[in-house]
Amino acid sequence: MSGGHDLLIVGGGPAGLITALHAARAGLDTVVAEPRRAPVDKACGEGLMPSAVRSLAALGLEVPGHPITGIRYIQGARQVQAAFRHGPGIGARRTDLHSILHRAVLAAGVSVLPLRVTDVRQDTTGVTIPGTGLRARWLVAADGLHSLVRRSLGLEARTRGAPRYGLRRHYAVPPWSPYVEVHWGTHTEAYVTPLGPRLVGIAMLTTQRTPFTTHLENFPELADRLCPQAAVTAVRGAGPLRQRVRTRAHGRVLLVGDAAGYIDALTGEGISLALTGAEALVTNVRRGTPSQYETDWRNATRRHRLLTELLVRARQQPMLAPHIMPTAARLPRLFTAAVNALA
């Protein structure tokens, strides 16, 4: 059996929608399956690095938000900061980004079907979704951190180390800095992202499964700026964050975004990686070289994966973790180079 679409994308979050945009512009007949109504919110640091801003602009998309001019690490009296060298990033609500991508996909003529996909059947010429009549030459699994498609195909690998989790909440207070601030605690990092004239996002990354307010109390200087009455959204959580994947290409199924594997949110590169992966995936499908996608994905994400892996491993070593922030403060040029290597 052949025919159907060129590309069926399972998951209508940013990774899936970005892939759909690239596919539509490459002339591929594309459809997206996503059961949730847009926009979809999730626990997210909501900072777009400069590379992501540039990639979105190349797609003709401008995301509203608050300019971000760099990254600042804070631990007690110590601080070190690095300005972005190649233009600003953007602090943008996840829902705003999703809305813009969703409208762009519809404008490009791509249908978004309200379907939940948990199982796929593939043969030598394509992939079929049982019970739906949907068929495509290629299926893209873009269904997130805990991808059901990935799990159904047995592509998950064992993870090591203590699991890390993310929590996020918004506060109606004016941003006090154009930088993303990363406050370092014993077991937790608190990320402060400016999102608007009177809005900041606070994200916690931690191995400790305790309430958001408990984490915030461990950062008294930050808590003093954020009275409980200023909280304007409920706490959202995500995790475990680390997801190891055996391969991004399995027959006629290709994985992209968080479904393609995830180390940690520590460096804030989720959307940038989704943009990079989507472009590489569509380029290889268009060229007829899908088997090359795994290699291209690894090459494009190597720098990010190495740096993130190094930081997370150091973070989880009792002998090394206390020295991350002091080392960055002692070596500001190295810190600036590391930040801009990912920006």
Protein backbone atom coordinates (compact mmCIF):
# COMPACT_ATOMS: atom_id res chain seq x y z
CA MET A 1 0.00 0.00 0.00
CA SER A 2 1.36 3.43 -0.89
CA GLY A 3 -0.07 6.92 -1.35
CA GLY A 4 -1.23 9.30 1.36
CA HIS A 5 0.78 12.25 2.61
CA ASP A 6 4.50 12.83 2.33
CA LEU A 7 4.82 13.62 6.03
CA LEU A 8 2.59 12.88 9.02
CA ILE A 9 3.73 14.78 12.10
CA VAL A 10 2.54 13.44 15.45
CA GLY A 11 2.54 16.31 17.93
CA GLY A 12 1.50 19.91 17.38
CA GLY A 13 3.82 21.59 19.87
CA PRO A 14 6.63 23.91 18.73
CA ALA A 15 8.84 21.09 17.39
CA GLY A 16 6.04 19.56 15.34
CA LEU A 17 4.80 22.91 14.03
CA ILE A 18 8.30 24.08 13.11
CA THR A 19 8.83 20.81 11.23
CA ALA A 20 5.51 21.32 9.45
CA LEU A 21 6.54 24.82 8.36
CA HIS A 22 9.84 23.60 6.94
CA ALA A 23 8.05 20.72 5.22
CA ALA A 24 5.38 22.94 3.66
CA ARG A 25 8.03 25.31 2.34
CA ALA A 26 9.89 22.33 0.88
CA GLY A 27 6.77 21.35 -1.05
CA LEU A 28 5.98 18.26 1.02
CA ASP A 29 2.34 17.27 1.52
CA THR A 30 2.13 17.46 5.30
CA VAL A 31 -0.45 16.88 8.02
CA VAL A 32 -0.18 17.30 11.81
CA ALA A 33 -1.97 15.15 14.42
CA GLU A 34 -2.53 16.96 17.74
CA PRO A 35 -5.47 16.28 20.08
CA ARG A 36 -5.08 19.43 22.20
CA ARG A 37 -6.46 22.80 21.20
CA ALA A 38 -3.89 25.53 20.56
CA PRO A 39 -2.28 27.23 22.33
CA VAL A 40 -0.90 24.57 24.65
CA ASP A 41 0.98 25.66 27.75
CA LYS A 42 3.70 23.65 29.50
CA ALA A 43 6.42 24.05 32.07
CA CYS A 44 9.11 25.93 30.16
CA GLY A 45 11.76 28.53 30.91
CA GLU A 46 10.33 30.61 28.01
CA GLY A 47 13.64 32.12 26.98
CA LEU A 48 14.45 32.05 23.26
CA MET A 49 18.19 32.21 22.66
CA PRO A 50 19.45 34.52 19.88
CA SER A 51 19.95 31.54 17.53
CA ALA A 52 16.28 30.63 17.95
CA VAL A 53 15.20 34.22 17.29
CA ARG A 54 17.28 34.24 14.09
CA SER A 55 15.90 30.88 12.94
CA LEU A 56 12.31 31.97 13.56
CA ALA A 57 12.97 35.20 11.66
CA ALA A 58 14.26 33.15 8.73
CA LEU A 59 10.85 31.47 8.69
CA GLY A 60 9.22 34.91 8.61
CA LEU A 61 8.07 34.73 12.23
CA GLU A 62 8.41 37.43 14.88
CA VAL A 63 7.60 36.46 18.45
CA PRO A 64 6.52 39.24 20.84
CA GLY A 65 8.20 39.40 24.20
CA HIS A 66 10.91 41.06 26.26
CA PRO A 67 14.45 41.37 24.85
CA ILE A 68 17.08 39.28 26.65
CA THR A 69 20.62 40.60 26.40
CA GLY A 70 22.55 37.83 28.14
CA ILE A 71 22.86 35.29 30.97
CA ARG A 72 23.74 36.05 34.60
CA TYR A 73 24.72 33.43 37.20
CA ILE A 74 24.16 34.31 40.86
CA GLN A 75 25.15 32.50 44.03
CA GLY A 76 25.07 34.56 47.20
CA ALA A 77 27.39 37.54 46.75
CA ARG A 78 28.99 36.08 43.62
CA GLN A 79 27.80 37.07 40.17
CA VAL A 80 29.05 36.57 36.65
CA GLN A 81 27.31 37.60 33.47
CA ALA A 82 27.80 37.29 29.74
CA ALA A 83 26.19 39.47 27.09
CA PHE A 84 25.04 37.92 23.83
CA ARG A 85 27.38 38.93 21.01
CA HIS A 86 25.07 38.29 18.06
CA GLY A 87 21.82 40.03 18.92
CA PRO A 88 19.31 39.62 21.72
CA GLY A 89 17.20 36.69 22.71
CA ILE A 90 13.52 37.00 23.58
CA GLY A 91 11.59 36.15 26.73
CA ALA A 92 8.23 35.01 25.35
CA ARG A 93 5.24 33.23 26.83
CA ARG A 94 5.03 29.66 25.60
CA THR A 95 1.40 30.22 24.64
CA ASP A 96 2.32 33.21 22.45
CA LEU A 97 4.99 31.20 20.63
CA HIS A 98 2.61 28.30 20.11
CA SER A 99 -0.16 30.56 18.79
CA ILE A 100 2.16 32.18 16.25
CA LEU A 101 3.47 28.82 15.02
CA HIS A 102 -0.04 27.34 14.83
CA ARG A 103 -1.37 30.24 12.74
CA ALA A 104 1.66 30.06 10.43
CA VAL A 105 1.14 26.33 9.85
CA LEU A 106 -2.53 26.81 8.98
CA ALA A 107 -1.63 29.71 6.68
CA ALA A 108 0.85 27.40 4.92
CA GLY A 109 -2.01 25.02 4.08
CA VAL A 110 -1.13 22.30 6.59
CA SER A 111 -4.08 20.62 8.32
CA VAL A 112 -3.94 20.04 12.08
CA LEU A 113 -6.15 17.06 12.91
CA PRO A 114 -7.52 16.51 16.44
CA LEU A 115 -6.09 13.02 16.77
CA ARG A 116 -4.16 11.26 19.51
CA VAL A 117 -1.63 8.82 18.08
CA THR A 118 -0.22 6.08 20.30
CA ASP A 119 0.54 3.35 17.77
CA VAL A 120 1.95 3.22 14.25
CA ARG A 121 2.32 0.52 11.60
CA GLN A 122 5.09 0.84 9.04
CA ASP A 123 6.09 -1.11 5.95
CA THR A 124 8.60 -0.59 3.14
CA THR A 125 6.70 2.31 1.55
CA GLY A 126 5.07 4.17 4.39
CA VAL A 127 3.45 4.44 7.81
CA THR A 128 -0.21 3.90 8.73
CA ILE A 129 -2.09 5.01 11.85
CA PRO A 130 -4.44 2.13 12.78
CA GLY A 131 -8.12 3.02 12.85
CA THR A 132 -7.75 6.43 11.21
CA GLY A 133 -7.11 5.80 7.52
CA LEU A 134 -4.10 8.13 7.77
CA ARG A 135 -1.03 7.10 5.81
CA ALA A 136 2.19 8.88 4.89
CA ARG A 137 5.55 8.07 3.37
CA TRP A 138 7.22 9.26 6.59
CA LEU A 139 6.06 9.81 10.14
CA VAL A 140 7.66 12.41 12.41
CA ALA A 141 7.35 11.79 16.16
CA ALA A 142 7.25 15.27 17.71
CA ASP A 143 5.12 14.28 20.68
CA GLY A 144 7.33 15.58 23.43
CA LEU A 145 9.49 14.56 26.33
CA HIS A 146 7.54 11.37 27.07
CA SER A 147 6.78 10.48 23.45
CA LEU A 148 4.17 7.73 23.10
CA VAL A 149 5.34 6.97 19.56
CA ARG A 150 8.93 6.58 20.75
CA ARG A 151 7.81 4.28 23.54
CA SER A 152 5.61 2.17 21.25
CA LEU A 153 8.62 1.52 19.00
CA GLY A 154 10.91 0.57 21.89
CA LEU A 155 13.38 3.38 21.20
CA GLU A 156 13.93 4.47 24.79
CA ALA A 157 17.21 3.75 26.57
CA ARG A 158 18.05 3.54 30.25
CA THR A 159 18.98 6.80 31.94
CA ARG A 160 21.57 7.27 34.69
CA GLY A 161 21.85 9.71 37.56
CA ALA A 162 19.25 11.32 39.78
CA PRO A 163 16.21 12.45 37.78
CA ARG A 164 15.70 16.20 37.42
CA TYR A 165 12.36 18.01 37.28
CA GLY A 166 11.16 21.43 36.20
CA LEU A 167 8.60 23.76 37.81
CA ARG A 168 7.40 27.12 36.49
CA ARG A 169 5.24 30.04 37.65
CA HIS A 170 4.64 33.62 36.50
CA TYR A 171 4.68 36.78 38.62
CA ALA A 172 3.21 40.17 37.73
CA VAL A 173 6.26 42.26 38.63
CA PRO A 174 8.45 44.43 36.38
CA PRO A 175 11.64 42.65 35.24
CA TRP A 176 14.63 43.99 37.17
CA SER A 177 17.18 42.86 34.59
CA PRO A 178 17.37 42.32 30.81
CA TYR A 179 19.39 39.16 31.56
CA VAL A 180 18.12 35.67 32.27
CA GLU A 181 19.23 35.18 35.86
CA VAL A 182 20.23 31.72 37.07
CA HIS A 183 20.31 31.52 40.86
CA TRP A 184 22.33 28.54 42.07
CA GLY A 185 21.21 26.63 45.16
CA THR A 186 22.35 23.41 46.77
CA HIS A 187 20.02 21.14 44.82
CA THR A 188 18.11 23.60 42.64
CA GLU A 189 18.61 26.34 40.06
CA ALA A 190 16.05 29.14 39.84
CA TYR A 191 15.72 30.80 36.42
CA VAL A 192 14.29 34.29 36.11
CA THR A 193 13.15 35.24 32.58
CA PRO A 194 11.81 38.73 31.73
CA LEU A 195 8.62 38.27 29.67
CA GLY A 196 6.97 41.70 29.51
CA PRO A 197 6.76 45.16 31.12
CA ARG A 198 5.15 43.63 34.21
CA LEU A 199 5.79 39.92 33.94
CA VAL A 200 8.60 37.53 34.84
CA GLY A 201 8.73 33.75 34.66
CA ILE A 202 10.36 31.76 37.45
CA ALA A 203 11.47 28.23 36.62
CA MET A 204 13.04 25.75 39.03
CA LEU A 205 15.25 22.86 37.92
CA THR A 206 15.85 20.38 40.68
CA THR A 207 16.33 16.81 41.86
CA GLN A 208 14.11 17.52 44.88
CA ARG A 209 10.40 16.74 44.48
CA THR A 210 9.11 19.44 46.80
CA PRO A 211 6.59 22.27 46.22
CA PHE A 212 7.53 25.35 44.22
CA THR A 213 7.11 27.61 47.28
CA THR A 214 9.57 25.47 49.23
CA HIS A 215 12.17 25.85 46.49
CA LEU A 216 11.58 29.60 46.34
CA GLU A 217 12.15 29.93 50.09
CA ASN A 218 15.67 28.60 49.53
CA PHE A 219 16.42 31.74 47.47
CA PRO A 220 15.51 34.50 50.00
CA GLU A 221 16.75 37.44 47.90
CA LEU A 222 14.65 36.23 44.99
CA ALA A 223 11.65 35.46 47.20
CA ASP A 224 11.76 39.03 48.57
CA ARG A 225 11.04 40.32 45.05
CA LEU A 226 8.12 37.94 44.51
CA CYS A 227 5.30 38.30 46.99
CA PRO A 228 2.71 35.50 46.83
CA GLN A 229 0.01 37.96 45.74
CA ALA A 230 1.98 38.72 42.56
CA ALA A 231 1.71 35.12 41.32
CA VAL A 232 -0.59 35.14 38.28
CA THR A 233 -0.40 31.52 37.09
CA ALA A 234 -0.55 28.11 38.69
CA VAL A 235 2.61 26.05 39.05
CA ARG A 236 3.30 23.74 36.11
CA GLY A 237 5.72 20.84 36.28
CA ALA A 238 7.63 18.58 33.91
CA GLY A 239 9.96 15.62 34.20
CA PRO A 240 11.89 13.52 34.59
CA LEU A 241 13.79 15.68 32.14
CA ARG A 242 16.53 13.36 30.91
CA GLN A 243 15.37 11.07 28.11
CA ARG A 244 17.85 8.85 26.29
CA VAL A 245 16.94 7.57 22.83
CA ARG A 246 18.60 4.75 20.89
CA THR A 247 18.14 6.40 17.49
CA ARG A 248 16.31 9.29 15.85
CA ALA A 249 15.59 7.28 12.68
CA HIS A 250 13.71 3.98 12.87
CA GLY A 251 12.53 2.71 9.53
CA ARG A 252 10.09 5.32 8.26
CA VAL A 253 9.72 7.03 11.65
CA LEU A 254 11.90 10.05 12.47
CA LEU A 255 12.08 11.75 15.88
CA VAL A 256 12.44 15.49 16.45
CA GLY A 257 12.36 17.95 19.36
CA ASP A 258 12.16 16.60 22.89
CA ALA A 259 10.98 13.24 21.51
CA ALA A 260 14.43 12.87 19.89
CA GLY A 261 16.11 12.80 23.31
CA TYR A 262 16.69 15.32 26.06
CA ILE A 263 19.46 15.94 28.55
CA ASP A 264 18.38 18.90 30.67
CA ALA A 265 16.91 22.40 30.48
CA LEU A 266 19.97 23.87 32.21
CA THR A 267 21.26 25.69 29.11
CA GLY A 268 17.83 26.80 27.84
CA GLU A 269 18.25 25.44 24.31
CA GLY A 270 15.03 23.47 23.79
CA ILE A 271 13.50 25.60 21.02
CA SER A 272 16.85 26.15 19.31
CA LEU A 273 17.40 22.39 19.15
CA ALA A 274 13.87 21.84 17.81
CA LEU A 275 14.54 24.38 15.06
CA THR A 276 17.86 22.77 14.17
CA GLY A 277 16.45 19.26 14.21
CA ALA A 278 13.37 20.17 12.15
CA GLU A 279 15.45 21.74 9.40
CA ALA A 280 17.83 18.76 9.26
CA LEU A 281 14.94 16.29 9.18
CA VAL A 282 13.05 17.99 6.35
CA THR A 283 16.24 18.55 4.35
CA ASN A 284 17.00 14.82 4.41
CA VAL A 285 13.45 13.77 3.58
CA ARG A 286 13.39 16.17 0.65
CA ARG A 287 16.76 14.90 -0.60
CA GLY A 288 15.75 11.28 -0.20
CA THR A 289 18.47 10.69 2.41
CA PRO A 290 16.51 10.07 5.65
CA SER A 291 19.17 7.65 6.90
CA GLN A 292 21.53 10.65 7.06
CA TYR A 293 19.25 12.44 9.54
CA GLU A 294 20.71 10.68 12.60
CA THR A 295 24.23 11.78 11.67
CA ASP A 296 23.16 15.33 10.85
CA TRP A 297 21.20 15.58 14.12
CA ARG A 298 24.20 14.42 16.12
CA ASN A 299 26.55 16.83 14.36
CA ALA A 300 24.18 19.79 14.76
CA THR A 301 23.55 19.17 18.47
CA ARG A 302 27.01 17.96 19.53
CA ARG A 303 28.17 21.23 21.12
CA HIS A 304 24.97 21.60 23.10
CA ARG A 305 24.95 17.97 24.22
CA LEU A 306 28.57 18.02 25.38
CA LEU A 307 28.24 21.24 27.37
CA THR A 308 24.91 20.29 28.92
CA GLU A 309 26.15 16.81 29.82
CA LEU A 310 29.25 18.29 31.43
CA LEU A 311 27.26 20.77 33.51
CA VAL A 312 24.64 18.25 34.63
CA ARG A 313 27.26 15.68 35.61
CA ALA A 314 29.18 18.30 37.58
CA ARG A 315 25.93 19.46 39.18
CA GLN A 316 25.25 15.95 40.46
CA GLN A 317 28.72 15.38 41.91
CA PRO A 318 28.93 16.55 45.56
CA MET A 319 32.64 17.36 45.14
CA LEU A 320 32.15 19.38 41.94
CA ALA A 321 28.75 21.08 42.26
CA PRO A 322 29.86 23.78 44.77
CA HIS A 323 32.61 24.86 42.36
CA ILE A 324 30.53 25.51 39.21
CA MET A 325 29.52 29.05 40.08
CA PRO A 326 32.85 30.11 41.69
CA THR A 327 34.74 28.77 38.65
CA ALA A 328 32.49 30.73 36.27
CA ALA A 329 33.06 33.87 38.35
CA ARG A 330 36.84 33.39 38.32
CA LEU A 331 36.91 32.79 34.57
CA PRO A 332 34.45 35.32 33.10
CA ARG A 333 35.95 35.11 29.60
CA LEU A 334 35.44 31.35 29.54
CA PHE A 335 31.89 31.82 30.82
CA THR A 336 31.18 34.36 28.06
CA ALA A 337 32.62 32.03 25.43
CA ALA A 338 30.48 29.13 26.68
CA VAL A 339 27.30 31.21 26.69
CA ASN A 340 27.90 32.51 23.18
CA ALA A 341 28.87 29.08 21.86
CA LEU A 342 25.22 28.14 22.40
CA ALA A 343 23.64 31.52 21.62
